Amino acid sequence: MAGSSDYPCGPYEPLLGLQSMVTRGGVDDGALVGVRQDLTAAEALAIYTIGSAAACGDEGWKGRLAPGFLADFVVLDRDPLAVEPESIADTSVLHTYVGGSRVWTRAQ
Protein backbone atom coordinates (compact mmCIF):
# COMPACT_ATOMS: atom_id res chain seq x y z
CA MET A 1 0.00 0.00 0.00
CA ALA A 2 1.26 3.49 -0.82
CA GLY A 3 0.84 6.75 1.04
CA SER A 4 0.37 9.86 -1.01
CA SER A 5 0.25 13.60 -0.64
CA ASP A 6 -1.86 14.03 -3.77
CA TYR A 7 -4.61 16.53 -3.03
CA PRO A 8 -7.69 16.57 -2.90
CA CYS A 9 -8.16 12.84 -2.25
CA GLY A 10 -6.53 13.27 1.16
CA PRO A 11 -4.56 15.76 3.20
CA TYR A 12 -1.60 17.04 1.22
CA GLU A 13 0.68 17.29 4.24
CA PRO A 14 2.33 13.86 4.68
CA LEU A 15 2.44 14.12 8.49
CA LEU A 16 -1.26 14.97 8.60
CA GLY A 17 -1.94 11.99 6.36
CA LEU A 18 0.12 9.82 8.68
CA GLN A 19 -1.81 11.14 11.69
CA SER A 20 -5.15 10.41 10.03
CA MET A 21 -4.09 6.81 9.36
CA VAL A 22 -3.35 6.39 13.07
CA THR A 23 -6.23 8.32 14.64
CA ARG A 24 -8.80 7.79 11.85
CA GLY A 25 -9.97 11.33 12.63
CA GLY A 26 -11.25 13.59 9.86
CA VAL A 27 -8.98 16.45 8.83
CA ASP A 28 -11.59 19.19 9.08
CA ASP A 29 -13.90 18.05 11.87
CA GLY A 30 -12.11 15.20 13.64
CA ALA A 31 -15.01 12.85 12.87
CA LEU A 32 -13.91 9.24 13.18
CA VAL A 33 -13.96 7.25 9.96
CA GLY A 34 -13.14 3.55 9.66
CA VAL A 35 -12.01 3.27 13.28
CA ARG A 36 -11.32 -0.47 12.94
CA GLN A 37 -8.86 0.37 10.14
CA ASP A 38 -6.46 2.30 12.37
CA LEU A 39 -2.73 1.66 12.06
CA THR A 40 0.23 2.15 14.33
CA ALA A 41 2.43 5.14 13.59
CA ALA A 42 5.18 2.75 12.44
CA GLU A 43 2.78 1.03 10.01
CA ALA A 44 1.63 4.40 8.62
CA LEU A 45 5.22 5.61 8.20
CA ALA A 46 6.10 2.40 6.35
CA ILE A 47 3.19 3.01 3.97
CA TYR A 48 4.53 6.49 3.15
CA THR A 49 8.12 5.25 2.66
CA ILE A 50 8.63 1.59 1.82
CA GLY A 51 5.07 1.12 0.53
CA SER A 52 5.17 4.10 -1.82
CA ALA A 53 8.53 3.01 -3.23
CA ALA A 54 7.20 -0.51 -3.82
CA ALA A 55 4.04 0.81 -5.51
CA CYS A 56 6.26 2.62 -8.03
CA GLY A 57 8.53 -0.40 -8.53
CA ASP A 58 11.37 1.60 -6.98
CA GLU A 59 11.85 -0.39 -3.77
CA GLY A 60 15.43 -1.26 -4.78
CA TRP A 61 16.61 2.36 -4.50
CA LYS A 62 13.91 4.37 -2.70
CA GLY A 63 11.87 4.17 0.49
CA ARG A 64 14.54 3.54 3.12
CA LEU A 65 17.90 4.78 4.34
CA ALA A 66 20.36 2.11 3.24
CA PRO A 67 23.54 1.83 1.15
CA GLY A 68 22.77 2.36 -2.53
CA PHE A 69 19.46 4.14 -1.89
CA LEU A 70 18.77 7.78 -2.84
CA ALA A 71 19.05 9.21 0.68
CA ASP A 72 16.09 11.55 0.26
CA PHE A 73 14.84 12.29 3.79
CA VAL A 74 13.78 14.94 6.28
CA VAL A 75 14.97 15.77 9.77
CA LEU A 76 12.05 16.34 12.14
CA ASP A 77 11.83 18.22 15.43
CA ARG A 78 10.39 15.14 17.20
CA ASP A 79 9.88 11.45 16.65
CA PRO A 80 6.41 10.95 15.12
CA LEU A 81 6.50 7.35 16.37
CA ALA A 82 6.86 8.47 19.99
CA VAL A 83 4.36 11.35 20.31
CA GLU A 84 0.65 11.19 21.05
CA PRO A 85 -1.13 10.21 17.81
CA GLU A 86 -3.23 13.41 17.81
CA SER A 87 -0.05 15.52 17.68
CA ILE A 88 1.81 13.79 14.83
CA ALA A 89 0.81 16.57 12.40
CA ASP A 90 2.32 19.18 14.75
CA THR A 91 5.76 17.78 13.95
CA SER A 92 7.92 20.29 12.09
CA VAL A 93 10.40 19.60 9.31
CA LEU A 94 13.80 21.11 10.21
CA HIS A 95 15.81 20.04 7.15
CA THR A 96 15.22 18.33 3.81
CA TYR A 97 17.90 16.21 2.12
CA VAL A 98 17.89 15.01 -1.48
CA GLY A 99 20.50 12.51 -2.56
CA GLY A 100 22.17 12.90 0.81
CA SER A 101 22.65 16.67 0.40
CA ARG A 102 20.75 19.25 2.44
CA VAL A 103 18.57 21.30 0.11
CA TRP A 104 16.34 23.13 2.59
CA THR A 105 16.48 24.34 6.19
CA ARG A 106 13.59 25.86 8.11
CA ALA A 107 14.12 29.53 8.90
CA GLN A 108 14.67 30.12 12.61
PDB file of N, CA and C in Angstrom:
ATOM      1  N   MET A   1       0.848  -1.164   0.000  1.00  0.00           N
ATOM      2  CA  MET A   1       0.000   0.000   0.000  1.00  0.00           C
ATOM      3  C   MET A   1       0.896   1.230   0.000  1.00  0.00           C
ATOM      4  N   ALA A   2       0.482   2.256  -0.710  1.00  0.00           N
ATOM      5  CA  ALA A   2       1.261   3.485  -0.817  1.00  0.00           C
ATOM      6  C   ALA A   2       0.564   4.634  -0.114  1.00  0.00           C
ATOM      7  N   GLY A   3       1.353   5.494   0.506  1.00  0.00           N
ATOM      8  CA  GLY A   3       0.844   6.745   1.044  1.00  0.00           C
ATOM      9  C   GLY A   3       1.098   7.834   0.024  1.00  0.00           C
ATOM     10  N   SER A   4       0.257   8.825   0.002  1.00  0.00           N
ATOM     11  CA  SER A   4       0.370   9.864  -1.015  1.00  0.00           C
ATOM     12  C   SER A   4       0.035  11.222  -0.431  1.00  0.00           C
ATOM     13  N   SER A   5       0.615  12.243  -1.014  1.00  0.00           N
ATOM     14  CA  SER A   5       0.251  13.602  -0.636  1.00  0.00           C
ATOM     15  C   SER A   5      -0.487  14.286  -1.780  1.00  0.00           C
ATOM     16  N   ASP A   6      -1.076  13.475  -2.660  1.00  0.00           N
ATOM     17  CA  ASP A   6      -1.859  14.033  -3.769  1.00  0.00           C
ATOM     18  C   ASP A   6      -3.161  14.605  -3.231  1.00  0.00           C
ATOM     19  N   TYR A   7      -3.397  15.852  -3.466  1.00  0.00           N
ATOM     20  CA  TYR A   7      -4.608  16.534  -3.028  1.00  0.00           C
ATOM     21  C   TYR A   7      -5.561  16.595  -4.201  1.00  0.00           C
ATOM     22  N   PRO A   8      -6.854  16.470  -4.081  1.00  0.00           N
ATOM     23  CA  PRO A   8      -7.686  16.573  -2.900  1.00  0.00           C
ATOM     24  C   PRO A   8      -8.178  15.242  -2.332  1.00  0.00           C
ATOM     25  N   CYS A   9      -7.633  14.110  -2.763  1.00  0.00           N
ATOM     26  CA  CYS A   9      -8.163  12.839  -2.251  1.00  0.00           C
ATOM     27  C   CYS A   9      -7.791  12.593  -0.794  1.00  0.00           C
ATOM     28  N   GLY A  10      -6.922  13.377  -0.241  1.00  0.00           N
ATOM     29  CA  GLY A  10      -6.533  13.268   1.158  1.00  0.00           C
ATOM     30  C   GLY A  10      -5.747  14.497   1.537  1.00  0.00           C
ATOM     31  N   PRO A  11      -5.343  14.585   2.791  1.00  0.00           N
ATOM     32  CA  PRO A  11      -4.563  15.760   3.197  1.00  0.00           C
ATOM     33  C   PRO A  11      -3.236  15.789   2.441  1.00  0.00           C
ATOM     34  N   TYR A  12      -2.822  16.966   2.006  1.00  0.00           N
ATOM     35  CA  TYR A  12      -1.596  17.040   1.219  1.00  0.00           C
ATOM     36  C   TYR A  12      -0.346  17.057   2.076  1.00  0.00           C
ATOM     37  N   GLU A  13      -0.472  17.330   3.368  1.00  0.00           N
ATOM     38  CA  GLU A  13       0.685  17.293   4.242  1.00  0.00           C
ATOM     39  C   GLU A  13       0.927  15.843   4.665  1.00  0.00           C
ATOM     40  N   PRO A  14       2.092  15.274   4.352  1.00  0.00           N
ATOM     41  CA  PRO A  14       2.329  13.864   4.681  1.00  0.00           C
ATOM     42  C   PRO A  14       2.157  13.541   6.169  1.00  0.00           C
ATOM     43  N   LEU A  15       2.584  14.424   7.068  1.00  0.00           N
ATOM     44  CA  LEU A  15       2.445  14.124   8.493  1.00  0.00           C
ATOM     45  C   LEU A  15       0.987  14.155   8.938  1.00  0.00           C
ATOM     46  N   LEU A  16       0.173  14.974   8.315  1.00  0.00           N
ATOM     47  CA  LEU A  16      -1.259  14.970   8.604  1.00  0.00           C
ATOM     48  C   LEU A  16      -1.899  13.689   8.064  1.00  0.00           C
ATOM     49  N   GLY A  17      -1.463  13.257   6.904  1.00  0.00           N
ATOM     50  CA  GLY A  17      -1.944  11.988   6.365  1.00  0.00           C
ATOM     51  C   GLY A  17      -1.565  10.825   7.268  1.00  0.00           C
ATOM     52  N   LEU A  18      -0.331  10.847   7.760  1.00  0.00           N
ATOM     53  CA  LEU A  18       0.119   9.817   8.680  1.00  0.00           C
ATOM     54  C   LEU A  18      -0.730   9.832   9.949  1.00  0.00           C
ATOM     55  N   GLN A  19      -0.974  11.023  10.489  1.00  0.00           N
ATOM     56  CA  GLN A  19      -1.807  11.145  11.691  1.00  0.00           C
ATOM     57  C   GLN A  19      -3.205  10.595  11.450  1.00  0.00           C
ATOM     58  N   SER A  20      -3.786  10.882  10.301  1.00  0.00           N
ATOM     59  CA  SER A  20      -5.150  10.412  10.034  1.00  0.00           C
ATOM     60  C   SER A  20      -5.212   8.893   9.901  1.00  0.00           C
ATOM     61  N   MET A  21      -4.129   8.270   9.428  1.00  0.00           N
ATOM     62  CA  MET A  21      -4.093   6.811   9.362  1.00  0.00           C
ATOM     63  C   MET A  21      -4.089   6.195  10.760  1.00  0.00           C
ATOM     64  N   VAL A  22      -3.463   6.896  11.707  1.00  0.00           N
ATOM     65  CA  VAL A  22      -3.346   6.390  13.070  1.00  0.00           C
ATOM     66  C   VAL A  22      -4.601   6.690  13.892  1.00  0.00           C
ATOM     67  N   THR A  23      -5.090   7.921  13.810  1.00  0.00           N
ATOM     68  CA  THR A  23      -6.234   8.322  14.641  1.00  0.00           C
ATOM     69  C   THR A  23      -7.571   8.035  13.985  1.00  0.00           C
ATOM     70  N   ARG A  24      -7.587   7.957  12.645  1.00  0.00           N
ATOM     71  CA  ARG A  24      -8.804   7.795  11.846  1.00  0.00           C
ATOM     72  C   ARG A  24      -9.737   8.988  12.002  1.00  0.00           C
ATOM     73  N   GLY A  25      -9.192  10.116  12.473  1.00  0.00           N
ATOM     74  CA  GLY A  25      -9.975  11.333  12.628  1.00  0.00           C
ATOM     75  C   GLY A  25      -9.974  12.154  11.360  1.00  0.00           C
ATOM     76  N   GLY A  26     -11.125  12.741  11.026  1.00  0.00           N
ATOM     77  CA  GLY A  26     -11.250  13.590   9.855  1.00  0.00           C
ATOM     78  C   GLY A  26     -10.381  14.834   9.974  1.00  0.00           C
ATOM     79  N   VAL A  27      -9.873  15.299   8.856  1.00  0.00           N
ATOM     80  CA  VAL A  27      -8.981  16.455   8.833  1.00  0.00           C
ATOM     81  C   VAL A  27      -9.701  17.716   9.285  1.00  0.00           C
ATOM     82  N   ASP A  28     -10.892  17.936   8.793  1.00  0.00           N
ATOM     83  CA  ASP A  28     -11.592  19.186   9.078  1.00  0.00           C
ATOM     84  C   ASP A  28     -12.354  19.173  10.399  1.00  0.00           C
ATOM     85  N   ASP A  29     -13.022  18.058  10.703  1.00  0.00           N
ATOM     86  CA  ASP A  29     -13.904  18.045  11.868  1.00  0.00           C
ATOM     87  C   ASP A  29     -13.539  17.014  12.927  1.00  0.00           C
ATOM     88  N   GLY A  30     -12.520  16.216  12.684  1.00  0.00           N
ATOM     89  CA  GLY A  30     -12.115  15.201  13.644  1.00  0.00           C
ATOM     90  C   GLY A  30     -13.046  14.004  13.727  1.00  0.00           C
ATOM     91  N   ALA A  31     -14.063  13.969  12.868  1.00  0.00           N
ATOM     92  CA  ALA A  31     -15.008  12.849  12.875  1.00  0.00           C
ATOM     93  C   ALA A  31     -14.263  11.548  12.590  1.00  0.00           C
ATOM     94  N   LEU A  32     -14.571  10.522  13.360  1.00  0.00           N
ATOM     95  CA  LEU A  32     -13.910   9.238  13.183  1.00  0.00           C
ATOM     96  C   LEU A  32     -14.486   8.502  11.985  1.00  0.00           C
ATOM     97  N   VAL A  33     -13.576   7.969  11.174  1.00  0.00           N
ATOM     98  CA  VAL A  33     -13.962   7.249   9.960  1.00  0.00           C
ATOM     99  C   VAL A  33     -13.163   5.954   9.912  1.00  0.00           C
ATOM    100  N   GLY A  34     -13.831   4.834   9.773  1.00  0.00           N
ATOM    101  CA  GLY A  34     -13.136   3.555   9.660  1.00  0.00           C
ATOM    102  C   GLY A  34     -12.257   3.246  10.853  1.00  0.00           C
ATOM    103  N   VAL A  35     -12.795   3.408  12.051  1.00  0.00           N
ATOM    104  CA  VAL A  35     -12.013   3.266  13.281  1.00  0.00           C
ATOM    105  C   VAL A  35     -11.312   1.912  13.359  1.00  0.00           C
ATOM    106  N   ARG A  36     -11.932   0.868  12.885  1.00  0.00           N
ATOM    107  CA  ARG A  36     -11.319  -0.468  12.944  1.00  0.00           C
ATOM    108  C   ARG A  36     -10.176  -0.612  11.943  1.00  0.00           C
ATOM    109  N   GLN A  37      -9.940   0.404  11.128  1.00  0.00           N
ATOM    110  CA  GLN A  37      -8.859   0.365  10.144  1.00  0.00           C
ATOM    111  C   GLN A  37      -7.649   1.173  10.594  1.00  0.00           C
ATOM    112  N   ASP A  38      -7.578   1.507  11.886  1.00  0.00           N
ATOM    113  CA  ASP A  38      -6.456   2.303  12.369  1.00  0.00           C
ATOM    114  C   ASP A  38      -5.160   1.507  12.279  1.00  0.00           C
ATOM    115  N   LEU A  39      -4.064   2.242  12.168  1.00  0.00           N
ATOM    116  CA  LEU A  39      -2.728   1.665  12.061  1.00  0.00           C
ATOM    117  C   LEU A  39      -1.865   2.208  13.187  1.00  0.00           C
ATOM    118  N   THR A  40      -0.754   1.563  13.434  1.00  0.00           N
ATOM    119  CA  THR A  40       0.232   2.152  14.326  1.00  0.00           C
ATOM    120  C   THR A  40       0.980   3.232  13.545  1.00  0.00           C
ATOM    121  N   ALA A  41       1.642   4.106  14.262  1.00  0.00           N
ATOM    122  CA  ALA A  41       2.433   5.139  13.588  1.00  0.00           C
ATOM    123  C   ALA A  41       3.530   4.501  12.737  1.00  0.00           C
ATOM    124  N   ALA A  42       4.132   3.434  13.214  1.00  0.00           N
ATOM    125  CA  ALA A  42       5.179   2.752  12.444  1.00  0.00           C
ATOM    126  C   ALA A  42       4.611   2.159  11.149  1.00  0.00           C
ATOM    127  N   GLU A  43       3.417   1.579  11.213  1.00  0.00           N
ATOM    128  CA  GLU A  43       2.785   1.034  10.006  1.00  0.00           C
ATOM    129  C   GLU A  43       2.476   2.151   9.009  1.00  0.00           C
ATOM    130  N   ALA A  44       1.962   3.274   9.502  1.00  0.00           N
ATOM    131  CA  ALA A  44       1.632   4.395   8.622  1.00  0.00           C
ATOM    132  C   ALA A  44       2.888   4.972   7.978  1.00  0.00           C
ATOM    133  N   LEU A  45       3.963   5.091   8.752  1.00  0.00           N
ATOM    134  CA  LEU A  45       5.221   5.608   8.204  1.00  0.00           C
ATOM    135  C   LEU A  45       5.759   4.665   7.131  1.00  0.00           C
ATOM    136  N   ALA A  46       5.655   3.371   7.349  1.00  0.00           N
ATOM    137  CA  ALA A  46       6.104   2.400   6.351  1.00  0.00           C
ATOM    138  C   ALA A  46       5.295   2.519   5.058  1.00  0.00           C
ATOM    139  N   ILE A  47       4.016   2.821   5.168  1.00  0.00           N
ATOM    140  CA  ILE A  47       3.185   3.008   3.974  1.00  0.00           C
ATOM    141  C   ILE A  47       3.688   4.196   3.159  1.00  0.00           C
ATOM    142  N   TYR A  48       4.054   5.289   3.842  1.00  0.00           N
ATOM    143  CA  TYR A  48       4.534   6.487   3.145  1.00  0.00           C
ATOM    144  C   TYR A  48       5.941   6.328   2.580  1.00  0.00           C
ATOM    145  N   THR A  49       6.725   5.393   3.095  1.00  0.00           N
ATOM    146  CA  THR A  49       8.116   5.253   2.661  1.00  0.00           C
ATOM    147  C   THR A  49       8.294   3.986   1.829  1.00  0.00           C
ATOM    148  N   ILE A  50       8.397   2.873   2.497  1.00  0.00           N
ATOM    149  CA  ILE A  50       8.626   1.593   1.821  1.00  0.00           C
ATOM    150  C   ILE A  50       7.468   1.240   0.888  1.00  0.00           C
ATOM    151  N   GLY A  51       6.236   1.453   1.341  1.00  0.00           N
ATOM    152  CA  GLY A  51       5.070   1.124   0.527  1.00  0.00           C
ATOM    153  C   GLY A  51       4.971   1.944  -0.739  1.00  0.00           C
ATOM    154  N   SER A  52       5.243   3.238  -0.627  1.00  0.00           N
ATOM    155  CA  SER A  52       5.173   4.098  -1.816  1.00  0.00           C
ATOM    156  C   SER A  52       6.257   3.738  -2.816  1.00  0.00           C
ATOM    157  N   ALA A  53       7.455   3.431  -2.328  1.00  0.00           N
ATOM    158  CA  ALA A  53       8.532   3.010  -3.231  1.00  0.00           C
ATOM    159  C   ALA A  53       8.159   1.718  -3.949  1.00  0.00           C
ATOM    160  N   ALA A  54       7.595   0.770  -3.217  1.00  0.00           N
ATOM    161  CA  ALA A  54       7.199  -0.507  -3.819  1.00  0.00           C
ATOM    162  C   ALA A  54       6.092  -0.320  -4.852  1.00  0.00           C
ATOM    163  N   ALA A  55       5.148   0.572  -4.579  1.00  0.00           N
ATOM    164  CA  ALA A  55       4.043   0.813  -5.512  1.00  0.00           C
ATOM    165  C   ALA A  55       4.542   1.360  -6.843  1.00  0.00           C
ATOM    166  N   CYS A  56       5.655   2.066  -6.811  1.00  0.00           N
ATOM    167  CA  CYS A  56       6.259   2.618  -8.032  1.00  0.00           C
ATOM    168  C   CYS A  56       7.242   1.649  -8.684  1.00  0.00           C
ATOM    169  N   GLY A  57       7.519   0.531  -8.030  1.00  0.00           N
ATOM    170  CA  GLY A  57       8.528  -0.396  -8.531  1.00  0.00           C
ATOM    171  C   GLY A  57       9.942   0.069  -8.222  1.00  0.00           C
ATOM    172  N   ASP A  58      10.071   1.014  -7.291  1.00  0.00           N
ATOM    173  CA  ASP A  58      11.374   1.600  -6.982  1.00  0.00           C
ATOM    174  C   ASP A  58      11.934   1.142  -5.641  1.00  0.00           C
ATOM    175  N   GLU A  59      11.440   0.029  -5.110  1.00  0.00           N
ATOM    176  CA  GLU A  59      11.851  -0.394  -3.773  1.00  0.00           C
ATOM    177  C   GLU A  59      13.327  -0.771  -3.679  1.00  0.00           C
ATOM    178  N   GLY A  60      14.006  -0.932  -4.787  1.00  0.00           N
ATOM    179  CA  GLY A  60      15.433  -1.257  -4.782  1.00  0.00           C
ATOM    180  C   GLY A  60      16.338  -0.052  -4.598  1.00  0.00           C
ATOM    181  N   TRP A  61      15.759   1.173  -4.649  1.00  0.00           N
ATOM    182  CA  TRP A  61      16.608   2.360  -4.502  1.00  0.00           C
ATOM    183  C   TRP A  61      15.907   3.539  -3.835  1.00  0.00           C
ATOM    184  N   LYS A  62      14.662   3.341  -3.405  1.00  0.00           N
ATOM    185  CA  LYS A  62      13.906   4.374  -2.698  1.00  0.00           C
ATOM    186  C   LYS A  62      13.189   3.761  -1.497  1.00  0.00           C
ATOM    187  N   GLY A  63      12.753   4.613  -0.571  1.00  0.00           N
ATOM    188  CA  GLY A  63      11.873   4.174   0.494  1.00  0.00           C
ATOM    189  C   GLY A  63      12.523   3.843   1.812  1.00  0.00           C
ATOM    190  N   ARG A  64      13.844   3.823   1.866  1.00  0.00           N
ATOM    191  CA  ARG A  64      14.540   3.539   3.121  1.00  0.00           C
ATOM    192  C   ARG A  64      15.931   4.158   3.078  1.00  0.00           C
ATOM    193  N   LEU A  65      16.516   4.312   4.243  1.00  0.00           N
ATOM    194  CA  LEU A  65      17.901   4.783   4.336  1.00  0.00           C
ATOM    195  C   LEU A  65      18.799   3.556   4.417  1.00  0.00           C
ATOM    196  N   ALA A  66      19.489   3.274   3.320  1.00  0.00           N
ATOM    197  CA  ALA A  66      20.358   2.106   3.242  1.00  0.00           C
ATOM    198  C   ALA A  66      21.392   2.352   2.148  1.00  0.00           C
ATOM    199  N   PRO A  67      22.529   1.677   2.201  1.00  0.00           N
ATOM    200  CA  PRO A  67      23.541   1.828   1.154  1.00  0.00           C
ATOM    201  C   PRO A  67      22.943   1.583  -0.230  1.00  0.00           C
ATOM    202  N   GLY A  68      23.259   2.475  -1.165  1.00  0.00           N
ATOM    203  CA  GLY A  68      22.767   2.356  -2.532  1.00  0.00           C
ATOM    204  C   GLY A  68      21.411   2.993  -2.781  1.00  0.00           C
ATOM    205  N   PHE A  69      20.763   3.494  -1.740  1.00  0.00           N
ATOM    206  CA  PHE A  69      19.460   4.145  -1.889  1.00  0.00           C
ATOM    207  C   PHE A  69      19.667   5.644  -2.052  1.00  0.00           C
ATOM    208  N   LEU A  70      18.649   6.365  -2.504  1.00  0.00           N
ATOM    209  CA  LEU A  70      18.769   7.780  -2.845  1.00  0.00           C
ATOM    210  C   LEU A  70      19.150   8.695  -1.687  1.00  0.00           C
ATOM    211  N   ALA A  71      18.806   8.350  -0.491  1.00  0.00           N
ATOM    212  CA  ALA A  71      19.051   9.207   0.677  1.00  0.00           C
ATOM    213  C   ALA A  71      18.282  10.512   0.582  1.00  0.00           C
ATOM    214  N   ASP A  72      17.012  10.425   0.178  1.00  0.00           N
ATOM    215  CA  ASP A  72      16.087  11.554   0.259  1.00  0.00           C
ATOM    216  C   ASP A  72      15.352  11.403   1.589  1.00  0.00           C
ATOM    217  N   PHE A  73      15.466  12.403   2.477  1.00  0.00           N
ATOM    218  CA  PHE A  73      14.842  12.291   3.788  1.00  0.00           C
ATOM    219  C   PHE A  73      14.700  13.667   4.418  1.00  0.00           C
ATOM    220  N   VAL A  74      13.942  13.703   5.500  1.00  0.00           N
ATOM    221  CA  VAL A  74      13.776  14.935   6.276  1.00  0.00           C
ATOM    222  C   VAL A  74      14.257  14.695   7.697  1.00  0.00           C
ATOM    223  N   VAL A  75      14.647  15.785   8.351  1.00  0.00           N
ATOM    224  CA  VAL A  75      14.971  15.770   9.773  1.00  0.00           C
ATOM    225  C   VAL A  75      13.817  16.482  10.464  1.00  0.00           C
ATOM    226  N   LEU A  76      13.225  15.814  11.439  1.00  0.00           N
ATOM    227  CA  LEU A  76      12.050  16.338  12.135  1.00  0.00           C
ATOM    228  C   LEU A  76      12.418  16.841  13.519  1.00  0.00           C
ATOM    229  N   ASP A  77      11.565  17.685  14.097  1.00  0.00           N
ATOM    230  CA  ASP A  77      11.830  18.223  15.434  1.00  0.00           C
ATOM    231  C   ASP A  77      11.423  17.265  16.549  1.00  0.00           C
ATOM    232  N   ARG A  78      10.768  16.162  16.214  1.00  0.00           N
ATOM    233  CA  ARG A  78      10.387  15.145  17.199  1.00  0.00           C
ATOM    234  C   ARG A  78      10.165  13.831  16.471  1.00  0.00           C
ATOM    235  N   ASP A  79      10.091  12.782  17.216  1.00  0.00           N
ATOM    236  CA  ASP A  79       9.885  11.450  16.655  1.00  0.00           C
ATOM    237  C   ASP A  79       8.383  11.200  16.508  1.00  0.00           C
ATOM    238  N   PRO A  80       7.854  11.151  15.291  1.00  0.00           N
ATOM    239  CA  PRO A  80       6.409  10.947  15.120  1.00  0.00           C
ATOM    240  C   PRO A  80       5.936   9.572  15.591  1.00  0.00           C
ATOM    241  N   LEU A  81       6.866   8.670  15.855  1.00  0.00           N
ATOM    242  CA  LEU A  81       6.496   7.351  16.365  1.00  0.00           C
ATOM    243  C   LEU A  81       6.377   7.346  17.883  1.00  0.00           C
ATOM    244  N   ALA A  82       6.831   8.433  18.532  1.00  0.00           N
ATOM    245  CA  ALA A  82       6.855   8.472  19.990  1.00  0.00           C
ATOM    246  C   ALA A  82       5.900   9.496  20.600  1.00  0.00           C
ATOM    247  N   VAL A  83       5.262  10.327  19.778  1.00  0.00           N
ATOM    248  CA  VAL A  83       4.359  11.354  20.310  1.00  0.00           C
ATOM    249  C   VAL A  83       2.930  10.815  20.355  1.00  0.00           C
ATOM    250  N   GLU A  84       2.068  11.550  21.049  1.00  0.00           N
ATOM    251  CA  GLU A  84       0.646  11.185  21.051  1.00  0.00           C
ATOM    252  C   GLU A  84       0.136  11.228  19.611  1.00  0.00           C
ATOM    253  N   PRO A  85      -0.656  10.253  19.196  1.00  0.00           N
ATOM    254  CA  PRO A  85      -1.133  10.207  17.810  1.00  0.00           C
ATOM    255  C   PRO A  85      -1.793  11.501  17.333  1.00  0.00           C
ATOM    256  N   GLU A  86      -2.525  12.174  18.213  1.00  0.00           N
ATOM    257  CA  GLU A  86      -3.226  13.406  17.814  1.00  0.00           C
ATOM    258  C   GLU A  86      -2.273  14.569  17.561  1.00  0.00           C
ATOM    259  N   SER A  87      -1.001  14.423  17.891  1.00  0.00           N
ATOM    260  CA  SER A  87      -0.049  15.525  17.683  1.00  0.00           C
ATOM    261  C   SER A  87       0.995  15.220  16.614  1.00  0.00           C
ATOM    262  N   ILE A  88       0.843  14.129  15.878  1.00  0.00           N
ATOM    263  CA  ILE A  88       1.809  13.792  14.826  1.00  0.00           C
ATOM    264  C   ILE A  88       1.922  14.932  13.816  1.00  0.00           C
ATOM    265  N   ALA A  89       0.795  15.505  13.415  1.00  0.00           N
ATOM    266  CA  ALA A  89       0.805  16.567  12.398  1.00  0.00           C
ATOM    267  C   ALA A  89       1.445  17.855  12.898  1.00  0.00           C
ATOM    268  N   ASP A  90       1.649  17.992  14.200  1.00  0.00           N
ATOM    269  CA  ASP A  90       2.321  19.175  14.748  1.00  0.00           C
ATOM    270  C   ASP A  90       3.838  19.088  14.623  1.00  0.00           C
ATOM    271  N   THR A  91       4.333  17.974  14.155  1.00  0.00           N
ATOM    272  CA  THR A  91       5.760  17.781  13.954  1.00  0.00           C
ATOM    273  C   THR A  91       6.239  18.717  12.846  1.00  0.00           C
ATOM    274  N   SER A  92       7.375  19.350  13.074  1.00  0.00           N
ATOM    275  CA  SER A  92       7.922  20.286  12.086  1.00  0.00           C
ATOM    276  C   SER A  92       9.119  19.684  11.368  1.00  0.00           C
ATOM    277  N   VAL A  93       9.236  19.998  10.091  1.00  0.00           N
ATOM    278  CA  VAL A  93      10.405  19.603   9.307  1.00  0.00           C
ATOM    279  C   VAL A  93      11.490  20.650   9.544  1.00  0.00           C
ATOM    280  N   LEU A  94      12.667  20.204   9.969  1.00  0.00           N
ATOM    281  CA  LEU A  94      13.796  21.108  10.207  1.00  0.00           C
ATOM    282  C   LEU A  94      14.705  21.214   8.995  1.00  0.00           C
ATOM    283  N   HIS A  95      14.927  20.085   8.319  1.00  0.00           N
ATOM    284  CA  HIS A  95      15.810  20.045   7.148  1.00  0.00           C
ATOM    285  C   HIS A  95      15.261  19.033   6.146  1.00  0.00           C
ATOM    286  N   THR A  96      15.542  19.276   4.873  1.00  0.00           N
ATOM    287  CA  THR A  96      15.215  18.333   3.814  1.00  0.00           C
ATOM    288  C   THR A  96      16.500  17.996   3.066  1.00  0.00           C
ATOM    289  N   TYR A  97      16.726  16.704   2.849  1.00  0.00           N
ATOM    290  CA  TYR A  97      17.897  16.213   2.124  1.00  0.00           C
ATOM    291  C   TYR A  97      17.441  15.490   0.862  1.00  0.00           C
ATOM    292  N   VAL A  98      18.144  15.710  -0.219  1.00  0.00           N
ATOM    293  CA  VAL A  98      17.891  15.006  -1.478  1.00  0.00           C
ATOM    294  C   VAL A  98      19.231  14.442  -1.929  1.00  0.00           C
ATOM    295  N   GLY A  99      19.255  13.144  -2.167  1.00  0.00           N
ATOM    296  CA  GLY A  99      20.503  12.505  -2.564  1.00  0.00           C
ATOM    297  C   GLY A  99      21.599  12.653  -1.520  1.00  0.00           C
ATOM    298  N   GLY A 100      21.209  12.779  -0.269  1.00  0.00           N
ATOM    299  CA  GLY A 100      22.169  12.903   0.809  1.00  0.00           C
ATOM    300  C   GLY A 100      22.680  14.313   1.047  1.00  0.00           C
ATOM    301  N   SER A 101      22.222  15.280   0.245  1.00  0.00           N
ATOM    302  CA  SER A 101      22.651  16.673   0.405  1.00  0.00           C
ATOM    303  C   SER A 101      21.500  17.518   0.926  1.00  0.00           C
ATOM    304  N   ARG A 102      21.804  18.375   1.897  1.00  0.00           N
ATOM    305  CA  ARG A 102      20.752  19.246   2.438  1.00  0.00           C
ATOM    306  C   ARG A 102      20.379  20.288   1.390  1.00  0.00           C
ATOM    307  N   VAL A 103      19.065  20.361   1.112  1.00  0.00           N
ATOM    308  CA  VAL A 103      18.569  21.303   0.105  1.00  0.00           C
ATOM    309  C   VAL A 103      17.646  22.343   0.696  1.00  0.00           C
ATOM    310  N   TRP A 104      17.241  22.163   1.967  1.00  0.00           N
ATOM    311  CA  TRP A 104      16.341  23.134   2.591  1.00  0.00           C
ATOM    312  C   TRP A 104      16.501  23.067   4.095  1.00  0.00           C
ATOM    313  N   THR A 105      16.469  24.241   4.731  1.00  0.00           N
ATOM    314  CA  THR A 105      16.482  24.343   6.188  1.00  0.00           C
ATOM    315  C   THR A 105      15.410  25.334   6.587  1.00  0.00           C
ATOM    316  N   ARG A 106      14.632  24.970   7.618  1.00  0.00           N
ATOM    317  CA  ARG A 106      13.590  25.863   8.111  1.00  0.00           C
ATOM    318  C   ARG A 106      14.225  27.123   8.680  1.00  0.00           C
ATOM    319  N   ALA A 107      13.641  28.258   8.350  1.00  0.00           N
ATOM    320  CA  ALA A 107      14.119  29.529   8.902  1.00  0.00           C
ATOM    321  C   ALA A 107      13.863  29.548  10.400  1.00  0.00           C
ATOM    322  N   GLN A 108      14.810  30.069  11.142  1.00  0.00           N
ATOM    323  CA  GLN A 108      14.672  30.125  12.605  1.00  0.00           C
ATOM    324  C   GLN A 108      13.882  31.317  13.035  1.00  0.00           C
TER     325      GLN A 108
END
